[in-house]
Protein backbone atom coordinates (compact mmCIF):
# COMPACT_ATOMS: atom_id res chain seq x y z
CA MET A 1 20.00 59.95 22.59
CA LYS A 2 18.98 57.95 25.67
CA HIS A 3 15.77 56.94 23.93
CA ILE A 4 17.66 55.76 20.85
CA LEU A 5 20.08 53.72 23.01
CA LEU A 6 17.18 52.14 24.93
CA PHE A 7 15.52 51.22 21.64
CA PHE A 8 18.61 49.35 20.40
CA ILE A 9 19.00 47.55 23.76
CA LEU A 10 15.39 46.33 23.59
CA LEU A 11 15.81 45.32 19.95
CA SER A 12 18.95 43.33 20.76
CA SER A 13 17.22 41.60 23.69
CA ALA A 14 14.35 40.59 21.46
CA ALA A 15 16.72 39.21 18.85
CA LEU A 16 18.54 37.17 21.48
CA ALA A 17 15.31 35.88 22.98
CA SER A 18 13.67 34.83 19.72
CA PRO A 19 15.80 31.70 19.05
CA SER A 20 14.99 30.27 22.47
CA GLN A 21 11.32 31.14 22.06
CA HIS A 22 11.35 29.45 18.68
CA LYS A 23 13.03 26.40 20.20
CA ALA A 24 10.43 26.26 22.97
CA HIS A 25 7.67 26.47 20.39
CA ASN A 26 9.18 23.62 18.39
CA THR A 27 9.62 21.55 21.57
CA HIS A 28 5.95 22.06 22.38
CA LYS A 29 4.97 20.93 18.89
CA ALA A 30 7.24 17.89 19.11
CA HIS A 31 5.45 16.79 22.29
CA SER A 32 1.95 17.35 20.93
CA TYR A 33 -0.33 14.36 21.45
CA VAL A 34 -3.12 15.59 19.20
CA GLY A 35 -4.12 12.94 16.68
CA PHE A 36 -6.39 10.03 15.85
CA HIS A 37 -6.10 7.49 18.66
CA GLY A 38 -7.66 4.11 17.90
CA MET A 39 -8.62 1.85 20.78
CA ALA A 40 -9.70 -1.71 21.44
CA LEU A 41 -12.79 -2.45 23.52
CA ILE A 42 -13.12 -5.38 25.90
CA LEU A 43 -15.92 -6.49 28.19
CA ALA A 44 -15.09 -7.00 31.86
CA GLY A 45 -18.28 -8.15 33.55
CA ASP A 46 -20.67 -5.24 33.28
CA LYS A 47 -17.87 -2.78 32.43
CA VAL A 48 -16.68 -1.77 28.98
CA LEU A 49 -12.96 -0.97 28.87
CA ALA A 50 -11.16 0.97 26.15
CA SER A 51 -7.46 0.33 25.63
CA HIS A 52 -5.46 2.82 23.58
CA MET A 53 -3.63 1.05 20.73
CA PRO A 54 -0.10 2.31 21.27
CA LEU A 55 2.86 2.65 18.94
CA TYR A 56 6.48 3.35 19.80
CA ALA A 57 6.51 6.92 18.44
CA PRO A 58 4.58 9.93 19.78
CA PRO A 59 1.74 10.80 19.79
CA HIS A 60 0.82 7.16 20.45
CA ASN A 61 3.51 5.97 22.90
CA TYR A 62 1.26 5.41 25.92
CA GLN A 63 -0.57 2.35 27.21
CA ILE A 64 -3.87 3.65 28.54
CA VAL A 65 -6.92 1.77 29.79
CA TYR A 66 -10.17 3.52 30.75
CA GLU A 67 -13.63 2.41 31.69
CA VAL A 68 -15.98 4.00 29.15
CA THR A 69 -19.71 4.48 28.84
CA THR A 70 -22.34 5.92 26.54
CA ASP A 71 -26.13 6.14 26.39
CA ASP A 72 -28.06 3.02 27.38
CA THR A 73 -29.02 2.05 23.84
CA HIS A 74 -25.53 2.21 22.37
CA LEU A 75 -23.97 0.69 25.49
CA LYS A 76 -26.21 -2.35 25.13
CA ILE A 77 -25.28 -2.67 21.45
CA ILE A 78 -21.56 -2.44 22.30
CA LYS A 79 -21.87 -5.11 24.98
CA ASN A 80 -23.76 -7.42 22.61
CA ALA A 81 -21.11 -6.85 19.93
CA LEU A 82 -18.34 -7.63 22.42
CA ASN A 83 -20.07 -10.86 23.48
CA GLU A 84 -20.34 -11.88 19.82
CA SER A 85 -16.69 -11.00 19.19
CA LEU A 86 -15.67 -13.33 22.02
CA LYS A 87 -17.45 -16.22 20.31
CA LYS A 88 -15.86 -15.42 16.95
CA GLN A 89 -12.44 -14.52 18.42
CA SER A 90 -12.64 -11.17 16.68
CA GLN A 91 -12.45 -7.66 18.11
CA ILE A 92 -14.38 -4.45 18.48
CA THR A 93 -12.40 -1.23 18.08
CA ILE A 94 -13.18 2.47 18.20
CA LEU A 95 -11.82 5.57 16.54
CA PRO A 96 -12.60 8.85 18.31
CA THR A 97 -12.43 12.08 16.36
CA LYS A 98 -9.07 13.84 16.50
CA PHE A 99 -8.24 14.79 20.10
CA ASP A 100 -5.36 15.44 22.50
CA LEU A 101 -4.25 12.23 24.22
CA ASN A 102 -3.01 14.41 27.10
CA LEU A 103 -6.66 14.50 28.22
CA LEU A 104 -6.32 10.81 29.08
CA ILE A 105 -2.65 10.93 30.10
CA ASN A 106 -3.68 13.52 32.71
CA LYS A 107 -6.60 11.34 33.89
CA LEU A 108 -9.35 13.66 32.71
CA THR A 109 -12.80 12.34 31.75
CA PRO A 110 -13.68 13.70 28.29
CA THR A 111 -16.68 12.77 26.16
CA LEU A 112 -15.58 12.15 22.56
CA ASN A 113 -17.42 11.60 19.30
CA THR A 114 -16.49 8.03 18.40
CA THR A 115 -17.04 5.53 15.60
CA VAL A 116 -17.39 1.89 16.67
CA PHE A 117 -15.95 -0.78 14.34
CA ASN A 118 -16.49 -4.49 14.02
CA GLY A 119 -12.87 -5.58 13.59
CA HIS A 120 -9.68 -3.51 13.54
CA PHE A 121 -10.50 0.02 12.40
CA GLU A 122 -7.34 0.15 10.22
CA ARG A 123 -7.34 -3.46 8.97
CA GLY A 124 -10.62 -3.98 7.18
CA GLY A 125 -12.96 -3.33 10.10
CA THR A 126 -16.56 -2.31 9.38
CA ALA A 127 -17.98 0.87 10.89
CA LEU A 128 -21.09 0.00 12.89
CA PHE A 129 -22.29 3.33 14.28
CA SER A 130 -21.12 6.56 15.90
CA THR A 131 -21.78 7.63 19.47
CA LYS A 132 -20.52 9.98 22.15
CA LEU A 133 -18.28 7.93 24.41
CA THR A 134 -17.40 9.14 27.91
CA PHE A 135 -14.03 8.14 29.34
CA LYS A 136 -15.32 7.92 32.88
CA ASN A 137 -12.61 6.18 34.87
CA PRO A 138 -8.82 6.04 34.25
CA LEU A 139 -7.49 2.60 35.17
CA TYR A 140 -3.96 2.44 33.74
CA ILE A 141 -1.57 4.98 32.23
CA LYS A 142 2.02 4.14 31.36
CA LYS A 143 4.49 5.54 28.85
CA LEU A 144 6.12 2.90 26.66
CA ALA A 145 9.61 1.82 27.67
CA VAL A 146 12.30 1.56 25.01
CA THR A 147 14.82 -0.48 26.99
CA LYS A 148 15.54 -4.10 26.25
CA PRO A 149 13.78 -6.17 28.94
CA THR A 150 15.51 -9.03 30.72
CA LYS A 151 12.11 -10.70 31.02
CA ALA A 152 8.48 -10.00 30.25
CA GLU A 153 6.81 -7.71 32.79
CA PHE A 154 3.15 -7.44 33.69
CA ASP A 155 0.99 -5.08 35.71
CA LEU A 156 -2.24 -6.04 37.47
CA ILE A 157 -5.10 -3.64 38.05
CA LYS A 158 -8.11 -4.48 40.19
CA LEU A 159 -11.48 -4.03 38.52
CA SER A 160 -13.48 -5.45 41.42
CA ALA A 161 -12.94 -7.73 44.41
CA TRP A 162 -13.35 -10.70 42.04
CA ARG A 163 -11.83 -9.56 38.77
CA GLY A 164 -8.50 -8.11 37.71
CA LEU A 165 -6.81 -7.14 34.46
CA VAL A 166 -3.27 -8.27 33.63
CA ILE A 167 -1.50 -5.89 31.24
CA HIS A 168 1.74 -6.72 29.48
CA LYS A 169 4.20 -3.81 29.68
CA ILE A 170 5.31 -3.10 26.13
CA GLN A 171 9.08 -2.76 25.82
CA SER A 172 11.55 -2.81 22.94
CA LYS A 173 10.93 -4.93 19.83
CA PRO A 174 9.80 -7.63 19.56
CA SER A 175 7.00 -7.09 22.04
CA TYR A 176 3.22 -7.24 22.28
CA ASP A 177 0.18 -5.59 23.78
CA SER A 178 -2.15 -7.87 25.75
CA LEU A 179 -5.06 -7.61 28.16
CA ILE A 180 -6.05 -10.66 30.18
CA LEU A 181 -8.96 -10.83 32.62
CA VAL A 182 -8.13 -12.91 35.69
CA ALA A 183 -10.03 -14.03 38.77
CA LEU A 184 -9.26 -12.40 42.12
CA THR A 185 -10.05 -13.71 45.60
CA ASN A 186 -11.05 -10.88 47.92
CA GLY A 187 -9.12 -8.47 45.71
CA LYS A 188 -5.98 -10.61 45.51
CA TYR A 189 -4.49 -12.57 42.62
CA ASN A 190 -3.36 -16.02 43.66
CA GLY A 191 -1.38 -16.80 40.51
CA GLU A 192 2.08 -15.65 39.45
CA LEU A 193 2.35 -12.38 37.57
CA LYS A 194 4.84 -13.69 35.03
CA CYS A 195 5.02 -15.48 31.72
CA ASP A 196 8.13 -15.99 29.64
CA ALA A 197 6.28 -16.84 26.43
CA PRO A 198 8.20 -15.71 23.32
CA VAL A 199 6.51 -13.61 20.65
CA THR A 200 5.45 -16.42 18.31
CA THR A 201 2.27 -17.62 16.67
CA ALA A 202 1.60 -19.67 19.81
CA LEU A 203 1.75 -16.64 22.10
CA ALA A 204 -1.98 -16.54 22.86
CA SER A 205 -1.98 -20.19 23.94
CA LYS A 206 1.07 -19.71 26.13
CA LEU A 207 -0.43 -16.64 27.80
CA LYS A 208 -3.59 -18.63 28.49
CA ALA A 209 -1.48 -21.37 30.09
CA CYS A 210 0.30 -18.82 32.30
CA PHE A 211 -2.76 -16.91 33.49
CA LYS A 212 -5.49 -19.57 33.15
CA SER A 213 -7.41 -17.20 30.92
CA ALA A 214 -7.22 -16.35 27.22
CA PRO A 215 -6.22 -12.79 26.28
CA SER A 216 -9.19 -10.50 25.72
CA TYR A 217 -6.92 -8.47 23.45
CA LEU A 218 -3.58 -9.32 21.86
CA GLU A 219 -1.56 -7.30 19.33
CA THR A 220 1.87 -8.27 17.99
CA ARG A 221 2.10 -6.75 14.50
CA ASP A 222 2.68 -3.18 15.69
CA PHE A 223 5.59 -4.30 17.89
CA ALA A 224 7.33 -6.78 15.58
CA VAL A 225 10.87 -6.48 14.28
CA ASN A 226 10.56 -5.23 10.70
């Protein structure tokens, strides 16, 4: 009789536990960052930087910038392509194979199979070649804010004693993603880290006026009011 009673107690406990376990499982799935994460490449001196192309919804709601590298041959090709894109005011983007963005959120240094595109990988870009790209150095990791900003906000990261990268903090719509290389003096930025330029067709010019340097990357479409 004791054994039968114990069996029913265990069965009841399992039944009570299963809804919470199911909820935990669903929560884990909801916070999964596995997916296809496109990125823009920019050239910063002798460094190649990859910037995750964020969106407001998971699994893409992080601004992430890494220094990346690959074998010497492909690295030279990427740098040449980036120099050409500067002249043509175009862009070079990459699409790694499906992976967990948590690898980058947690500042790990994975090597990913990646296709390099001339142009935007989702907007008519042309695949150039595939290579293994190593995310060697995390430079910037920030989850997107969803609050309405009172003014545009920017972060500055130091790439060297003479060069920095100004990053616009994406907030609620309308907003934009931008990367601007700026000159530093002994590791310090002498300009003002602000720009109240509205999101218009003249945004790039206004950002250049604020920071004395044209954006190396600028995206507005993904953050526009529909």
